[in-house]
Amino acid sequence: MEKYEDVAKRGINFLEDLTITHKNKKILIVSHGALIGLTLQHLLPEKFPTTYIENASITILEKTNYNWKCALYNCTAHLCRQEK
């Protein structure tokens, strides 16, 4: 079984590679909640000492210069069906 630390490192390396390959582009990544949560915990530990990711939720990360920020976390508003 892969160690949590290794999962987080793999997630961060993947994100860093994408920001280089697709500089100044918007990128959609679909992943399991465990990879998202562990990556967030290591990328932004002050903001995410723990995480819980709902199924089909949306999390938005932004990188400016060398800094990451989480603009949206674990949002499921798009799953709520509005009755008319």
N, C-alpha and C. Protein backbone atom coordinates (compact mmCIF):
# COMPACT_ATOMS: atom_id res chain seq x y z
N MET A 1 0.84 -1.19 0.00
CA MET A 1 0.00 0.00 0.00
C MET A 1 0.89 1.25 0.00
N GLU A 2 0.53 2.22 -0.79
CA GLU A 2 1.29 3.46 -0.90
C GLU A 2 1.12 4.30 0.37
N LYS A 3 2.21 4.86 0.85
CA LYS A 3 2.17 5.71 2.05
C LYS A 3 1.48 7.03 1.71
N TYR A 4 0.76 7.59 2.71
CA TYR A 4 0.07 8.86 2.50
C TYR A 4 1.02 9.96 2.04
N GLU A 5 2.20 10.00 2.62
CA GLU A 5 3.21 11.00 2.24
C GLU A 5 3.57 10.88 0.76
N ASP A 6 3.69 9.64 0.28
CA ASP A 6 4.02 9.41 -1.13
C ASP A 6 2.88 9.80 -2.05
N VAL A 7 1.64 9.55 -1.62
CA VAL A 7 0.48 9.97 -2.40
C VAL A 7 0.47 11.49 -2.55
N ALA A 8 0.69 12.19 -1.44
CA ALA A 8 0.70 13.66 -1.45
C ALA A 8 1.81 14.19 -2.35
N LYS A 9 2.99 13.61 -2.25
CA LYS A 9 4.12 14.04 -3.10
C LYS A 9 3.80 13.82 -4.57
N ARG A 10 3.17 12.69 -4.88
CA ARG A 10 2.80 12.41 -6.27
C ARG A 10 1.80 13.44 -6.77
N GLY A 11 0.83 13.79 -5.93
CA GLY A 11 -0.16 14.81 -6.30
C GLY A 11 0.47 16.17 -6.53
N ILE A 12 1.35 16.57 -5.62
CA ILE A 12 2.02 17.87 -5.76
C ILE A 12 2.91 17.90 -6.99
N ASN A 13 3.67 16.84 -7.22
CA ASN A 13 4.53 16.79 -8.42
C ASN A 13 3.70 16.88 -9.69
N PHE A 14 2.56 16.21 -9.70
CA PHE A 14 1.66 16.26 -10.85
C PHE A 14 1.17 17.68 -11.10
N LEU A 15 0.73 18.36 -10.03
CA LEU A 15 0.26 19.74 -10.17
C LEU A 15 1.37 20.67 -10.65
N GLU A 16 2.55 20.52 -10.07
CA GLU A 16 3.68 21.38 -10.47
C GLU A 16 4.04 21.15 -11.94
N ASP A 17 4.05 19.90 -12.38
CA ASP A 17 4.34 19.60 -13.78
C ASP A 17 3.29 20.23 -14.71
N LEU A 18 2.02 20.14 -14.31
CA LEU A 18 0.96 20.73 -15.13
C LEU A 18 1.10 22.24 -15.25
N THR A 19 1.48 22.90 -14.16
CA THR A 19 1.61 24.37 -14.22
C THR A 19 2.76 24.80 -15.11
N ILE A 20 3.73 23.94 -15.28
CA ILE A 20 4.84 24.25 -16.19
C ILE A 20 4.43 23.96 -17.63
N THR A 21 3.83 22.80 -17.84
CA THR A 21 3.44 22.37 -19.19
C THR A 21 2.33 23.23 -19.76
N HIS A 22 1.41 23.66 -18.92
CA HIS A 22 0.23 24.41 -19.37
C HIS A 22 0.17 25.77 -18.68
N LYS A 23 1.27 26.48 -18.75
CA LYS A 23 1.39 27.77 -18.08
C LYS A 23 0.28 28.73 -18.51
N ASN A 24 -0.33 29.39 -17.52
CA ASN A 24 -1.40 30.38 -17.74
C ASN A 24 -2.66 29.79 -18.37
N LYS A 25 -2.89 28.50 -18.18
CA LYS A 25 -4.08 27.84 -18.71
C LYS A 25 -4.93 27.34 -17.56
N LYS A 26 -6.22 27.21 -17.81
CA LYS A 26 -7.11 26.57 -16.85
C LYS A 26 -7.11 25.08 -17.15
N ILE A 27 -7.02 24.27 -16.09
CA ILE A 27 -6.90 22.83 -16.24
C ILE A 27 -7.95 22.14 -15.38
N LEU A 28 -8.63 21.16 -15.93
CA LEU A 28 -9.57 20.35 -15.17
C LEU A 28 -8.92 19.01 -14.87
N ILE A 29 -8.92 18.64 -13.60
CA ILE A 29 -8.38 17.36 -13.18
C ILE A 29 -9.49 16.62 -12.44
N VAL A 30 -9.69 15.37 -12.78
CA VAL A 30 -10.66 14.53 -12.09
C VAL A 30 -9.88 13.48 -11.33
N SER A 31 -10.18 13.33 -10.04
CA SER A 31 -9.40 12.42 -9.21
C SER A 31 -10.23 11.89 -8.04
N HIS A 32 -9.67 10.89 -7.39
CA HIS A 32 -10.26 10.36 -6.16
C HIS A 32 -10.06 11.38 -5.04
N GLY A 33 -10.99 11.39 -4.10
CA GLY A 33 -10.93 12.31 -2.98
C GLY A 33 -9.69 12.15 -2.12
N ALA A 34 -9.19 10.93 -1.99
CA ALA A 34 -8.00 10.71 -1.16
C ALA A 34 -6.79 11.45 -1.73
N LEU A 35 -6.60 11.38 -3.03
CA LEU A 35 -5.47 12.08 -3.64
C LEU A 35 -5.64 13.59 -3.50
N ILE A 36 -6.84 14.09 -3.71
CA ILE A 36 -7.09 15.52 -3.57
C ILE A 36 -6.83 15.97 -2.13
N GLY A 37 -7.42 15.26 -1.19
CA GLY A 37 -7.29 15.64 0.21
C GLY A 37 -5.86 15.59 0.71
N LEU A 38 -5.14 14.52 0.41
CA LEU A 38 -3.75 14.40 0.86
C LEU A 38 -2.86 15.45 0.21
N THR A 39 -3.11 15.73 -1.06
CA THR A 39 -2.34 16.77 -1.76
C THR A 39 -2.58 18.13 -1.10
N LEU A 40 -3.83 18.45 -0.81
CA LEU A 40 -4.15 19.72 -0.15
C LEU A 40 -3.50 19.82 1.22
N GLN A 41 -3.52 18.73 1.98
CA GLN A 41 -2.94 18.74 3.33
C GLN A 41 -1.45 19.03 3.30
N HIS A 42 -0.77 18.60 2.25
CA HIS A 42 0.68 18.85 2.15
C HIS A 42 1.01 20.14 1.41
N LEU A 43 0.14 20.53 0.49
CA LEU A 43 0.36 21.76 -0.26
C LEU A 43 0.04 23.00 0.58
N LEU A 44 -1.04 22.93 1.35
CA LEU A 44 -1.50 24.05 2.18
C LEU A 44 -1.82 23.54 3.60
N PRO A 45 -0.81 23.11 4.34
CA PRO A 45 -1.06 22.47 5.64
C PRO A 45 -1.71 23.37 6.67
N GLU A 46 -1.47 24.68 6.61
CA GLU A 46 -2.08 25.58 7.59
C GLU A 46 -3.60 25.65 7.39
N LYS A 47 -4.02 25.63 6.14
CA LYS A 47 -5.44 25.73 5.82
C LYS A 47 -6.13 24.37 5.91
N PHE A 48 -5.39 23.31 5.62
CA PHE A 48 -5.99 21.97 5.58
C PHE A 48 -5.23 20.97 6.44
N PRO A 49 -5.35 21.08 7.77
CA PRO A 49 -4.71 20.06 8.62
C PRO A 49 -5.39 18.71 8.42
N THR A 50 -6.67 18.73 8.09
CA THR A 50 -7.43 17.54 7.71
C THR A 50 -8.34 17.91 6.56
N THR A 51 -8.80 16.92 5.84
CA THR A 51 -9.71 17.17 4.72
C THR A 51 -10.79 16.10 4.66
N TYR A 52 -11.89 16.44 4.05
CA TYR A 52 -12.94 15.49 3.71
C TYR A 52 -13.48 15.92 2.36
N ILE A 53 -13.43 15.05 1.39
CA ILE A 53 -13.85 15.38 0.04
C ILE A 53 -15.12 14.60 -0.29
N GLU A 54 -16.20 15.32 -0.57
CA GLU A 54 -17.46 14.69 -0.99
C GLU A 54 -17.33 14.15 -2.41
N ASN A 55 -18.12 13.13 -2.73
CA ASN A 55 -18.15 12.61 -4.10
C ASN A 55 -18.63 13.70 -5.05
N ALA A 56 -17.97 13.84 -6.18
CA ALA A 56 -18.33 14.78 -7.25
C ALA A 56 -18.23 16.24 -6.82
N SER A 57 -17.46 16.53 -5.78
CA SER A 57 -17.29 17.92 -5.35
C SER A 57 -16.26 18.63 -6.24
N ILE A 58 -16.26 19.94 -6.15
CA ILE A 58 -15.32 20.75 -6.93
C ILE A 58 -14.40 21.50 -5.96
N THR A 59 -13.12 21.40 -6.23
CA THR A 59 -12.11 22.16 -5.50
C THR A 59 -11.30 22.92 -6.54
N ILE A 60 -11.08 24.19 -6.32
CA ILE A 60 -10.32 25.02 -7.26
C ILE A 60 -9.03 25.48 -6.60
N LEU A 61 -7.91 25.17 -7.25
CA LEU A 61 -6.60 25.63 -6.81
C LEU A 61 -6.08 26.64 -7.81
N GLU A 62 -5.40 27.64 -7.31
CA GLU A 62 -4.77 28.65 -8.17
C GLU A 62 -3.32 28.81 -7.76
N LYS A 63 -2.46 28.93 -8.75
CA LYS A 63 -1.05 29.17 -8.47
C LYS A 63 -0.63 30.48 -9.11
N THR A 64 -0.11 31.37 -8.28
CA THR A 64 0.45 32.62 -8.77
C THR A 64 1.89 32.68 -8.31
N ASN A 65 2.78 32.89 -9.24
CA ASN A 65 4.21 32.82 -8.98
C ASN A 65 4.53 31.46 -8.34
N TYR A 66 4.93 31.44 -7.10
CA TYR A 66 5.27 30.18 -6.43
C TYR A 66 4.28 29.83 -5.32
N ASN A 67 3.17 30.55 -5.25
CA ASN A 67 2.22 30.36 -4.16
C ASN A 67 0.93 29.71 -4.63
N TRP A 68 0.46 28.75 -3.86
CA TRP A 68 -0.81 28.10 -4.12
C TRP A 68 -1.87 28.67 -3.20
N LYS A 69 -3.10 28.75 -3.71
CA LYS A 69 -4.23 29.11 -2.86
C LYS A 69 -5.43 28.28 -3.31
N CYS A 70 -6.30 28.02 -2.36
CA CYS A 70 -7.51 27.26 -2.64
C CYS A 70 -8.67 28.24 -2.72
N ALA A 71 -9.17 28.46 -3.93
CA ALA A 71 -10.25 29.41 -4.15
C ALA A 71 -11.63 28.81 -3.84
N LEU A 72 -11.74 27.49 -3.91
CA LEU A 72 -13.00 26.81 -3.63
C LEU A 72 -12.66 25.41 -3.14
N TYR A 73 -13.34 24.98 -2.08
CA TYR A 73 -13.03 23.68 -1.49
C TYR A 73 -14.29 22.84 -1.32
N ASN A 74 -14.26 21.65 -1.90
CA ASN A 74 -15.27 20.63 -1.62
C ASN A 74 -16.70 21.12 -1.88
N CYS A 75 -16.89 21.89 -2.92
CA CYS A 75 -18.20 22.46 -3.22
C CYS A 75 -19.09 21.43 -3.93
N THR A 76 -20.32 21.29 -3.44
CA THR A 76 -21.28 20.38 -4.05
C THR A 76 -22.56 21.10 -4.49
N ALA A 77 -22.51 22.42 -4.57
CA ALA A 77 -23.70 23.20 -4.94
C ALA A 77 -24.27 22.77 -6.31
N HIS A 78 -23.41 22.36 -7.21
CA HIS A 78 -23.86 21.95 -8.54
C HIS A 78 -24.68 20.65 -8.51
N LEU A 79 -24.64 19.94 -7.40
CA LEU A 79 -25.38 18.68 -7.28
C LEU A 79 -26.80 18.88 -6.77
N CYS A 80 -27.08 20.07 -6.26
CA CYS A 80 -28.41 20.37 -5.70
C CYS A 80 -29.37 20.68 -6.83
N ARG A 81 -30.39 19.91 -6.91
CA ARG A 81 -31.40 20.11 -7.97
C ARG A 81 -32.44 21.11 -7.48
N GLN A 82 -32.65 22.12 -8.25
CA GLN A 82 -33.63 23.15 -7.89
C GLN A 82 -34.99 22.79 -8.49
N GLU A 83 -35.99 22.68 -7.65
CA GLU A 83 -37.35 22.43 -8.10
C GLU A 83 -38.00 23.75 -8.50
N LYS A 84 -38.74 23.75 -9.60
CA LYS A 84 -39.42 24.96 -10.07
C LYS A 84 -40.90 24.79 -9.96
